[in-house]
Amino acid sequence: MVNEIKKNEKMAIISLVCGILGVLLIFVRVPFLYLMAIVPSILAIVLGRKAKKKIKNSDGKLKGEGIATAGFVLGIIGIILVVLALILMGVLLSMLLK
């Protein structure tokens, strides 16, 4: 009986890092930099999905499905936060222009 060491899928880890970066960029206090959060958030979603498929098709050789899911969810949260920030900015600008 040979014990195989399961390795974390690299795309899952990159997805998690992109998801964290996407959420953190929302809170940077530089004007309009929060819009850049959309790029890592989309990457987190795409890579998280690809990683989960790759892990599922690896016949147990790869692990990291939870990491991929976390990256995927953080990517969705990042996009939602960008949309909410844009809506808030639009409301605030319309109030200022009245």
PDB file of N, CA and C in Angstrom:
ATOM      1  N   MET A   1       0.833  -1.177   0.000  1.00  0.00           N
ATOM      2  CA  MET A   1       0.000   0.000   0.000  1.00  0.00           C
ATOM      3  C   MET A   1       0.885   1.249   0.000  1.00  0.00           C
ATOM      4  N   VAL A   2       0.761   2.020  -1.036  1.00  0.00           N
ATOM      5  CA  VAL A   2       1.571   3.219  -1.179  1.00  0.00           C
ATOM      6  C   VAL A   2       0.716   4.432  -0.836  1.00  0.00           C
ATOM      7  N   ASN A   3       1.217   5.227   0.070  1.00  0.00           N
ATOM      8  CA  ASN A   3       0.499   6.449   0.442  1.00  0.00           C
ATOM      9  C   ASN A   3       0.884   7.568  -0.508  1.00  0.00           C
ATOM     10  N   GLU A   4      -0.059   7.988  -1.299  1.00  0.00           N
ATOM     11  CA  GLU A   4       0.184   9.104  -2.192  1.00  0.00           C
ATOM     12  C   GLU A   4      -0.126  10.401  -1.463  1.00  0.00           C
ATOM     13  N   ILE A   5       0.736  11.355  -1.647  1.00  0.00           N
ATOM     14  CA  ILE A   5       0.507  12.665  -1.062  1.00  0.00           C
ATOM     15  C   ILE A   5      -0.297  13.477  -2.057  1.00  0.00           C
ATOM     16  N   LYS A   6      -1.470  13.886  -1.621  1.00  0.00           N
ATOM     17  CA  LYS A   6      -2.315  14.705  -2.493  1.00  0.00           C
ATOM     18  C   LYS A   6      -1.800  16.130  -2.472  1.00  0.00           C
ATOM     19  N   LYS A   7      -1.735  16.722  -3.651  1.00  0.00           N
ATOM     20  CA  LYS A   7      -1.273  18.102  -3.766  1.00  0.00           C
ATOM     21  C   LYS A   7      -2.460  19.021  -3.994  1.00  0.00           C
ATOM     22  N   ASN A   8      -2.353  20.216  -3.425  1.00  0.00           N
ATOM     23  CA  ASN A   8      -3.375  21.225  -3.688  1.00  0.00           C
ATOM     24  C   ASN A   8      -3.263  21.685  -5.131  1.00  0.00           C
ATOM     25  N   GLU A   9      -4.390  21.807  -5.778  1.00  0.00           N
ATOM     26  CA  GLU A   9      -4.430  22.319  -7.139  1.00  0.00           C
ATOM     27  C   GLU A   9      -3.998  23.786  -7.141  1.00  0.00           C
ATOM     28  N   LYS A  10      -3.033  24.122  -8.008  1.00  0.00           N
ATOM     29  CA  LYS A  10      -2.480  25.482  -8.037  1.00  0.00           C
ATOM     30  C   LYS A  10      -3.524  26.515  -8.437  1.00  0.00           C
ATOM     31  N   MET A  11      -4.406  26.140  -9.360  1.00  0.00           N
ATOM     32  CA  MET A  11      -5.453  27.083  -9.769  1.00  0.00           C
ATOM     33  C   MET A  11      -6.377  27.433  -8.608  1.00  0.00           C
ATOM     34  N   ALA A  12      -6.583  26.481  -7.699  1.00  0.00           N
ATOM     35  CA  ALA A  12      -7.432  26.745  -6.535  1.00  0.00           C
ATOM     36  C   ALA A  12      -6.786  27.796  -5.641  1.00  0.00           C
ATOM     37  N   ILE A  13      -5.490  27.677  -5.449  1.00  0.00           N
ATOM     38  CA  ILE A  13      -4.772  28.638  -4.607  1.00  0.00           C
ATOM     39  C   ILE A  13      -4.760  30.016  -5.258  1.00  0.00           C
ATOM     40  N   ILE A  14      -4.515  30.059  -6.568  1.00  0.00           N
ATOM     41  CA  ILE A  14      -4.520  31.338  -7.280  1.00  0.00           C
ATOM     42  C   ILE A  14      -5.910  31.963  -7.235  1.00  0.00           C
ATOM     43  N   SER A  15      -6.944  31.129  -7.345  1.00  0.00           N
ATOM     44  CA  SER A  15      -8.318  31.618  -7.257  1.00  0.00           C
ATOM     45  C   SER A  15      -8.569  32.267  -5.899  1.00  0.00           C
ATOM     46  N   LEU A  16      -8.116  31.635  -4.842  1.00  0.00           N
ATOM     47  CA  LEU A  16      -8.299  32.193  -3.502  1.00  0.00           C
ATOM     48  C   LEU A  16      -7.563  33.522  -3.353  1.00  0.00           C
ATOM     49  N   VAL A  17      -6.324  33.586  -3.846  1.00  0.00           N
ATOM     50  CA  VAL A  17      -5.541  34.820  -3.754  1.00  0.00           C
ATOM     51  C   VAL A  17      -6.229  35.943  -4.543  1.00  0.00           C
ATOM     52  N   CYS A  18      -6.708  35.629  -5.740  1.00  0.00           N
ATOM     53  CA  CYS A  18      -7.413  36.630  -6.552  1.00  0.00           C
ATOM     54  C   CYS A  18      -8.698  37.086  -5.871  1.00  0.00           C
ATOM     55  N   GLY A  19      -9.417  36.161  -5.261  1.00  0.00           N
ATOM     56  CA  GLY A  19     -10.639  36.520  -4.553  1.00  0.00           C
ATOM     57  C   GLY A  19     -10.373  37.446  -3.385  1.00  0.00           C
ATOM     58  N   ILE A  20      -9.341  37.142  -2.620  1.00  0.00           N
ATOM     59  CA  ILE A  20      -8.972  38.005  -1.481  1.00  0.00           C
ATOM     60  C   ILE A  20      -8.551  39.383  -1.990  1.00  0.00           C
ATOM     61  N   LEU A  21      -7.743  39.410  -3.041  1.00  0.00           N
ATOM     62  CA  LEU A  21      -7.284  40.677  -3.606  1.00  0.00           C
ATOM     63  C   LEU A  21      -8.459  41.503  -4.122  1.00  0.00           C
ATOM     64  N   GLY A  22      -9.401  40.838  -4.778  1.00  0.00           N
ATOM     65  CA  GLY A  22     -10.574  41.544  -5.292  1.00  0.00           C
ATOM     66  C   GLY A  22     -11.385  42.192  -4.193  1.00  0.00           C
ATOM     67  N   VAL A  23     -11.571  41.487  -3.095  1.00  0.00           N
ATOM     68  CA  VAL A  23     -12.342  42.056  -1.981  1.00  0.00           C
ATOM     69  C   VAL A  23     -11.550  43.175  -1.299  1.00  0.00           C
ATOM     70  N   LEU A  24     -10.251  43.002  -1.146  1.00  0.00           N
ATOM     71  CA  LEU A  24      -9.446  44.032  -0.476  1.00  0.00           C
ATOM     72  C   LEU A  24      -9.349  45.312  -1.291  1.00  0.00           C
ATOM     73  N   LEU A  25      -9.318  45.205  -2.615  1.00  0.00           N
ATOM     74  CA  LEU A  25      -9.219  46.402  -3.455  1.00  0.00           C
ATOM     75  C   LEU A  25     -10.443  47.305  -3.327  1.00  0.00           C
ATOM     76  N   ILE A  26     -11.556  46.741  -2.907  1.00  0.00           N
ATOM     77  CA  ILE A  26     -12.760  47.546  -2.725  1.00  0.00           C
ATOM     78  C   ILE A  26     -12.540  48.607  -1.646  1.00  0.00           C
ATOM     79  N   PHE A  27     -11.754  48.280  -0.656  1.00  0.00           N
ATOM     80  CA  PHE A  27     -11.599  49.159   0.497  1.00  0.00           C
ATOM     81  C   PHE A  27     -10.392  50.083   0.413  1.00  0.00           C
ATOM     82  N   VAL A  28      -9.715  50.122  -0.730  1.00  0.00           N
ATOM     83  CA  VAL A  28      -8.597  51.044  -0.917  1.00  0.00           C
ATOM     84  C   VAL A  28      -9.169  52.441  -1.111  1.00  0.00           C
ATOM     85  N   ARG A  29      -8.597  53.394  -0.458  1.00  0.00           N
ATOM     86  CA  ARG A  29      -9.150  54.755  -0.470  1.00  0.00           C
ATOM     87  C   ARG A  29      -8.545  55.626  -1.566  1.00  0.00           C
ATOM     88  N   VAL A  30      -8.317  55.045  -2.703  1.00  0.00           N
ATOM     89  CA  VAL A  30      -7.857  55.803  -3.856  1.00  0.00           C
ATOM     90  C   VAL A  30      -9.038  55.895  -4.815  1.00  0.00           C
ATOM     91  N   PRO A  31      -9.382  57.093  -5.274  1.00  0.00           N
ATOM     92  CA  PRO A  31     -10.562  57.233  -6.132  1.00  0.00           C
ATOM     93  C   PRO A  31     -10.519  56.302  -7.350  1.00  0.00           C
ATOM     94  N   PHE A  32     -11.593  55.609  -7.555  1.00  0.00           N
ATOM     95  CA  PHE A  32     -11.833  54.727  -8.690  1.00  0.00           C
ATOM     96  C   PHE A  32     -10.936  53.489  -8.737  1.00  0.00           C
ATOM     97  N   LEU A  33     -10.064  53.306  -7.760  1.00  0.00           N
ATOM     98  CA  LEU A  33      -9.239  52.092  -7.749  1.00  0.00           C
ATOM     99  C   LEU A  33     -10.084  50.872  -7.437  1.00  0.00           C
ATOM    100  N   TYR A  34     -11.203  51.091  -6.760  1.00  0.00           N
ATOM    101  CA  TYR A  34     -12.076  49.961  -6.441  1.00  0.00           C
ATOM    102  C   TYR A  34     -12.619  49.298  -7.708  1.00  0.00           C
ATOM    103  N   LEU A  35     -12.649  50.041  -8.814  1.00  0.00           N
ATOM    104  CA  LEU A  35     -13.094  49.439 -10.076  1.00  0.00           C
ATOM    105  C   LEU A  35     -12.136  48.348 -10.549  1.00  0.00           C
ATOM    106  N   MET A  36     -10.876  48.447 -10.157  1.00  0.00           N
ATOM    107  CA  MET A  36      -9.884  47.432 -10.538  1.00  0.00           C
ATOM    108  C   MET A  36     -10.156  46.099  -9.855  1.00  0.00           C
ATOM    109  N   ALA A  37     -10.990  46.107  -8.826  1.00  0.00           N
ATOM    110  CA  ALA A  37     -11.316  44.874  -8.109  1.00  0.00           C
ATOM    111  C   ALA A  37     -12.085  43.901  -8.990  1.00  0.00           C
ATOM    112  N   ILE A  38     -12.652  44.371 -10.076  1.00  0.00           N
ATOM    113  CA  ILE A  38     -13.428  43.510 -10.957  1.00  0.00           C
ATOM    114  C   ILE A  38     -12.529  42.480 -11.642  1.00  0.00           C
ATOM    115  N   VAL A  39     -11.284  42.845 -11.943  1.00  0.00           N
ATOM    116  CA  VAL A  39     -10.376  41.944 -12.669  1.00  0.00           C
ATOM    117  C   VAL A  39     -10.011  40.724 -11.822  1.00  0.00           C
ATOM    118  N   PRO A  40      -9.454  40.896 -10.617  1.00  0.00           N
ATOM    119  CA  PRO A  40      -9.150  39.695  -9.836  1.00  0.00           C
ATOM    120  C   PRO A  40     -10.398  38.927  -9.409  1.00  0.00           C
ATOM    121  N   SER A  41     -11.516  39.617  -9.270  1.00  0.00           N
ATOM    122  CA  SER A  41     -12.751  38.925  -8.896  1.00  0.00           C
ATOM    123  C   SER A  41     -13.213  37.987 -10.004  1.00  0.00           C
ATOM    124  N   ILE A  42     -13.149  38.457 -11.244  1.00  0.00           N
ATOM    125  CA  ILE A  42     -13.513  37.593 -12.381  1.00  0.00           C
ATOM    126  C   ILE A  42     -12.531  36.441 -12.504  1.00  0.00           C
ATOM    127  N   LEU A  43     -11.255  36.727 -12.328  1.00  0.00           N
ATOM    128  CA  LEU A  43     -10.244  35.655 -12.365  1.00  0.00           C
ATOM    129  C   LEU A  43     -10.509  34.611 -11.290  1.00  0.00           C
ATOM    130  N   ALA A  44     -10.893  35.061 -10.115  1.00  0.00           N
ATOM    131  CA  ALA A  44     -11.171  34.135  -9.011  1.00  0.00           C
ATOM    132  C   ALA A  44     -12.320  33.206  -9.365  1.00  0.00           C
ATOM    133  N   ILE A  45     -13.349  33.743  -9.994  1.00  0.00           N
ATOM    134  CA  ILE A  45     -14.501  32.925 -10.373  1.00  0.00           C
ATOM    135  C   ILE A  45     -14.111  31.904 -11.434  1.00  0.00           C
ATOM    136  N   VAL A  46     -13.430  32.358 -12.472  1.00  0.00           N
ATOM    137  CA  VAL A  46     -13.051  31.468 -13.579  1.00  0.00           C
ATOM    138  C   VAL A  46     -12.086  30.386 -13.101  1.00  0.00           C
ATOM    139  N   LEU A  47     -11.047  30.789 -12.388  1.00  0.00           N
ATOM    140  CA  LEU A  47     -10.049  29.818 -11.923  1.00  0.00           C
ATOM    141  C   LEU A  47     -10.626  28.873 -10.873  1.00  0.00           C
ATOM    142  N   GLY A  48     -11.517  29.380 -10.032  1.00  0.00           N
ATOM    143  CA  GLY A  48     -12.152  28.521  -9.033  1.00  0.00           C
ATOM    144  C   GLY A  48     -12.970  27.418  -9.683  1.00  0.00           C
ATOM    145  N   ARG A  49     -13.710  27.779 -10.715  1.00  0.00           N
ATOM    146  CA  ARG A  49     -14.508  26.771 -11.442  1.00  0.00           C
ATOM    147  C   ARG A  49     -13.624  25.751 -12.143  1.00  0.00           C
ATOM    148  N   LYS A  50     -12.581  26.243 -12.820  1.00  0.00           N
ATOM    149  CA  LYS A  50     -11.673  25.332 -13.529  1.00  0.00           C
ATOM    150  C   LYS A  50     -10.969  24.401 -12.550  1.00  0.00           C
ATOM    151  N   ALA A  51     -10.564  24.943 -11.412  1.00  0.00           N
ATOM    152  CA  ALA A  51      -9.872  24.129 -10.414  1.00  0.00           C
ATOM    153  C   ALA A  51     -10.784  23.033  -9.867  1.00  0.00           C
ATOM    154  N   LYS A  52     -12.044  23.373  -9.610  1.00  0.00           N
ATOM    155  CA  LYS A  52     -12.972  22.358  -9.095  1.00  0.00           C
ATOM    156  C   LYS A  52     -13.182  21.240 -10.108  1.00  0.00           C
ATOM    157  N   LYS A  53     -13.276  21.578 -11.385  1.00  0.00           N
ATOM    158  CA  LYS A  53     -13.413  20.553 -12.425  1.00  0.00           C
ATOM    159  C   LYS A  53     -12.172  19.678 -12.499  1.00  0.00           C
ATOM    160  N   LYS A  54     -11.002  20.325 -12.431  1.00  0.00           N
ATOM    161  CA  LYS A  54      -9.745  19.577 -12.513  1.00  0.00           C
ATOM    162  C   LYS A  54      -9.588  18.644 -11.318  1.00  0.00           C
ATOM    163  N   ILE A  55      -9.958  19.110 -10.137  1.00  0.00           N
ATOM    164  CA  ILE A  55      -9.879  18.282  -8.928  1.00  0.00           C
ATOM    165  C   ILE A  55     -10.842  17.104  -9.031  1.00  0.00           C
ATOM    166  N   LYS A  56     -12.028  17.378  -9.512  1.00  0.00           N
ATOM    167  CA  LYS A  56     -13.035  16.319  -9.651  1.00  0.00           C
ATOM    168  C   LYS A  56     -12.586  15.241 -10.638  1.00  0.00           C
ATOM    169  N   ASN A  57     -11.908  15.654 -11.705  1.00  0.00           N
ATOM    170  CA  ASN A  57     -11.456  14.707 -12.731  1.00  0.00           C
ATOM    171  C   ASN A  57     -10.100  14.078 -12.435  1.00  0.00           C
ATOM    172  N   SER A  58      -9.496  14.395 -11.295  1.00  0.00           N
ATOM    173  CA  SER A  58      -8.150  13.892 -10.993  1.00  0.00           C
ATOM    174  C   SER A  58      -8.137  12.526 -10.322  1.00  0.00           C
ATOM    175  N   ASP A  59      -9.298  11.942 -10.108  1.00  0.00           N
ATOM    176  CA  ASP A  59      -9.401  10.636  -9.440  1.00  0.00           C
ATOM    177  C   ASP A  59      -8.732  10.619  -8.069  1.00  0.00           C
ATOM    178  N   GLY A  60      -8.893  11.688  -7.329  1.00  0.00           N
ATOM    179  CA  GLY A  60      -8.380  11.747  -5.962  1.00  0.00           C
ATOM    180  C   GLY A  60      -6.922  12.125  -5.837  1.00  0.00           C
ATOM    181  N   LYS A  61      -6.256  12.459  -6.935  1.00  0.00           N
ATOM    182  CA  LYS A  61      -4.842  12.819  -6.873  1.00  0.00           C
ATOM    183  C   LYS A  61      -4.629  14.261  -6.440  1.00  0.00           C
ATOM    184  N   LEU A  62      -5.637  15.085  -6.646  1.00  0.00           N
ATOM    185  CA  LEU A  62      -5.527  16.496  -6.273  1.00  0.00           C
ATOM    186  C   LEU A  62      -6.537  16.834  -5.187  1.00  0.00           C
ATOM    187  N   LYS A  63      -6.189  17.812  -4.377  1.00  0.00           N
ATOM    188  CA  LYS A  63      -7.117  18.300  -3.360  1.00  0.00           C
ATOM    189  C   LYS A  63      -7.193  19.816  -3.472  1.00  0.00           C
ATOM    190  N   GLY A  64      -8.062  20.420  -2.687  1.00  0.00           N
ATOM    191  CA  GLY A  64      -8.191  21.866  -2.684  1.00  0.00           C
ATOM    192  C   GLY A  64      -9.540  22.353  -3.159  1.00  0.00           C
ATOM    193  N   GLU A  65     -10.529  21.457  -3.131  1.00  0.00           N
ATOM    194  CA  GLU A  65     -11.858  21.856  -3.582  1.00  0.00           C
ATOM    195  C   GLU A  65     -12.423  22.977  -2.702  1.00  0.00           C
ATOM    196  N   GLY A  66     -12.161  22.916  -1.416  1.00  0.00           N
ATOM    197  CA  GLY A  66     -12.616  23.973  -0.515  1.00  0.00           C
ATOM    198  C   GLY A  66     -11.938  25.297  -0.792  1.00  0.00           C
ATOM    199  N   ILE A  67     -10.666  25.241  -1.135  1.00  0.00           N
ATOM    200  CA  ILE A  67      -9.925  26.450  -1.477  1.00  0.00           C
ATOM    201  C   ILE A  67     -10.496  27.061  -2.750  1.00  0.00           C
ATOM    202  N   ALA A  68     -10.783  26.205  -3.736  1.00  0.00           N
ATOM    203  CA  ALA A  68     -11.363  26.677  -4.997  1.00  0.00           C
ATOM    204  C   ALA A  68     -12.739  27.289  -4.763  1.00  0.00           C
ATOM    205  N   THR A  69     -13.524  26.668  -3.904  1.00  0.00           N
ATOM    206  CA  THR A  69     -14.846  27.200  -3.587  1.00  0.00           C
ATOM    207  C   THR A  69     -14.737  28.550  -2.887  1.00  0.00           C
ATOM    208  N   ALA A  70     -13.791  28.676  -1.977  1.00  0.00           N
ATOM    209  CA  ALA A  70     -13.588  29.952  -1.278  1.00  0.00           C
ATOM    210  C   ALA A  70     -13.196  31.046  -2.257  1.00  0.00           C
ATOM    211  N   GLY A  71     -12.303  30.737  -3.188  1.00  0.00           N
ATOM    212  CA  GLY A  71     -11.919  31.715  -4.207  1.00  0.00           C
ATOM    213  C   GLY A  71     -13.093  32.114  -5.077  1.00  0.00           C
ATOM    214  N   PHE A  72     -13.885  31.135  -5.471  1.00  0.00           N
ATOM    215  CA  PHE A  72     -15.074  31.377  -6.288  1.00  0.00           C
ATOM    216  C   PHE A  72     -16.048  32.307  -5.568  1.00  0.00           C
ATOM    217  N   VAL A  73     -16.320  32.006  -4.302  1.00  0.00           N
ATOM    218  CA  VAL A  73     -17.263  32.812  -3.512  1.00  0.00           C
ATOM    219  C   VAL A  73     -16.722  34.220  -3.287  1.00  0.00           C
ATOM    220  N   LEU A  74     -15.440  34.341  -2.992  1.00  0.00           N
ATOM    221  CA  LEU A  74     -14.850  35.669  -2.805  1.00  0.00           C
ATOM    222  C   LEU A  74     -14.896  36.474  -4.098  1.00  0.00           C
ATOM    223  N   GLY A  75     -14.748  35.802  -5.231  1.00  0.00           N
ATOM    224  CA  GLY A  75     -14.873  36.489  -6.515  1.00  0.00           C
ATOM    225  C   GLY A  75     -16.269  37.054  -6.710  1.00  0.00           C
ATOM    226  N   ILE A  76     -17.275  36.272  -6.367  1.00  0.00           N
ATOM    227  CA  ILE A  76     -18.663  36.748  -6.467  1.00  0.00           C
ATOM    228  C   ILE A  76     -18.890  37.914  -5.514  1.00  0.00           C
ATOM    229  N   ILE A  77     -18.378  37.797  -4.298  1.00  0.00           N
ATOM    230  CA  ILE A  77     -18.520  38.887  -3.319  1.00  0.00           C
ATOM    231  C   ILE A  77     -17.835  40.152  -3.839  1.00  0.00           C
ATOM    232  N   GLY A  78     -16.661  40.004  -4.431  1.00  0.00           N
ATOM    233  CA  GLY A  78     -15.946  41.157  -4.990  1.00  0.00           C
ATOM    234  C   GLY A  78     -16.749  41.862  -6.066  1.00  0.00           C
ATOM    235  N   ILE A  79     -17.375  41.092  -6.961  1.00  0.00           N
ATOM    236  CA  ILE A  79     -18.184  41.696  -8.017  1.00  0.00           C
ATOM    237  C   ILE A  79     -19.402  42.392  -7.429  1.00  0.00           C
ATOM    238  N   ILE A  80     -20.037  41.756  -6.460  1.00  0.00           N
ATOM    239  CA  ILE A  80     -21.202  42.385  -5.810  1.00  0.00           C
ATOM    240  C   ILE A  80     -20.802  43.698  -5.138  1.00  0.00           C
ATOM    241  N   LEU A  81     -19.649  43.711  -4.485  1.00  0.00           N
ATOM    242  CA  LEU A  81     -19.193  44.939  -3.823  1.00  0.00           C
ATOM    243  C   LEU A  81     -18.890  46.044  -4.832  1.00  0.00           C
ATOM    244  N   VAL A  82     -18.333  45.692  -5.983  1.00  0.00           N
ATOM    245  CA  VAL A  82     -18.068  46.702  -7.018  1.00  0.00           C
ATOM    246  C   VAL A  82     -19.383  47.289  -7.519  1.00  0.00           C
ATOM    247  N   VAL A  83     -20.357  46.423  -7.774  1.00  0.00           N
ATOM    248  CA  VAL A  83     -21.660  46.904  -8.245  1.00  0.00           C
ATOM    249  C   VAL A  83     -22.311  47.805  -7.195  1.00  0.00           C
ATOM    250  N   LEU A  84     -22.260  47.389  -5.935  1.00  0.00           N
ATOM    251  CA  LEU A  84     -22.828  48.229  -4.866  1.00  0.00           C
ATOM    252  C   LEU A  84     -22.103  49.573  -4.753  1.00  0.00           C
ATOM    253  N   ALA A  85     -20.783  49.554  -4.925  1.00  0.00           N
ATOM    254  CA  ALA A  85     -20.020  50.806  -4.865  1.00  0.00           C
ATOM    255  C   ALA A  85     -20.402  51.721  -6.018  1.00  0.00           C
ATOM    256  N   LEU A  86     -20.611  51.164  -7.204  1.00  0.00           N
ATOM    257  CA  LEU A  86     -21.022  51.973  -8.341  1.00  0.00           C
ATOM    258  C   LEU A  86     -22.416  52.572  -8.128  1.00  0.00           C
ATOM    259  N   ILE A  87     -23.313  51.781  -7.582  1.00  0.00           N
ATOM    260  CA  ILE A  87     -24.659  52.277  -7.296  1.00  0.00           C
ATOM    261  C   ILE A  87     -24.595  53.393  -6.255  1.00  0.00           C
ATOM    262  N   LEU A  88     -23.833  53.180  -5.204  1.00  0.00           N
ATOM    263  CA  LEU A  88     -23.690  54.195  -4.157  1.00  0.00           C
ATOM    264  C   LEU A  88     -23.073  55.468  -4.720  1.00  0.00           C
ATOM    265  N   MET A  89     -22.076  55.320  -5.570  1.00  0.00           N
ATOM    266  CA  MET A  89     -21.444  56.486  -6.171  1.00  0.00           C
ATOM    267  C   MET A  89     -22.433  57.239  -7.058  1.00  0.00           C
ATOM    268  N   GLY A  90     -23.239  56.514  -7.804  1.00  0.00           N
ATOM    269  CA  GLY A  90     -24.245  57.149  -8.641  1.00  0.00           C
ATOM    270  C   GLY A  90     -25.277  57.907  -7.816  1.00  0.00           C
ATOM    271  N   VAL A  91     -25.704  57.308  -6.719  1.00  0.00           N
ATOM    272  CA  VAL A  91     -26.675  57.971  -5.842  1.00  0.00           C
ATOM    273  C   VAL A  91     -26.067  59.230  -5.231  1.00  0.00           C
ATOM    274  N   LEU A  92     -24.838  59.119  -4.768  1.00  0.00           N
ATOM    275  CA  LEU A  92     -24.184  60.274  -4.145  1.00  0.00           C
ATOM    276  C   LEU A  92     -23.962  61.401  -5.165  1.00  0.00           C
ATOM    277  N   LEU A  93     -23.573  61.040  -6.380  1.00  0.00           N
ATOM    278  CA  LEU A  93     -23.361  62.071  -7.406  1.00  0.00           C
ATOM    279  C   LEU A  93     -24.675  62.744  -7.787  1.00  0.00           C
ATOM    280  N   SER A  94     -25.736  61.982  -7.873  1.00  0.00           N
ATOM    281  CA  SER A  94     -27.030  62.578  -8.220  1.00  0.00           C
ATOM    282  C   SER A  94     -27.519  63.510  -7.110  1.00  0.00           C
ATOM    283  N   MET A  95     -27.189  63.174  -5.870  1.00  0.00           N
ATOM    284  CA  MET A  95     -27.567  64.048  -4.754  1.00  0.00           C
ATOM    285  C   MET A  95     -26.743  65.336  -4.770  1.00  0.00           C
ATOM    286  N   LEU A  96     -25.468  65.224  -5.145  1.00  0.00           N
ATOM    287  CA  LEU A  96     -24.605  66.405  -5.178  1.00  0.00           C
ATOM    288  C   LEU A  96     -24.962  67.344  -6.326  1.00  0.00           C
ATOM    289  N   LEU A  97     -25.446  66.792  -7.411  1.00  0.00           N
ATOM    290  CA  LEU A  97     -25.742  67.602  -8.596  1.00  0.00           C
ATOM    291  C   LEU A  97     -27.100  68.274  -8.526  1.00  0.00           C
ATOM    292  N   LYS A  98     -27.887  67.993  -7.532  1.00  0.00           N
ATOM    293  CA  LYS A  98     -29.217  68.623  -7.402  1.00  0.00           C
ATOM    294  C   LYS A  98     -29.115  70.008  -6.842  1.00  0.00           C
TER     295      LYS A  98
END
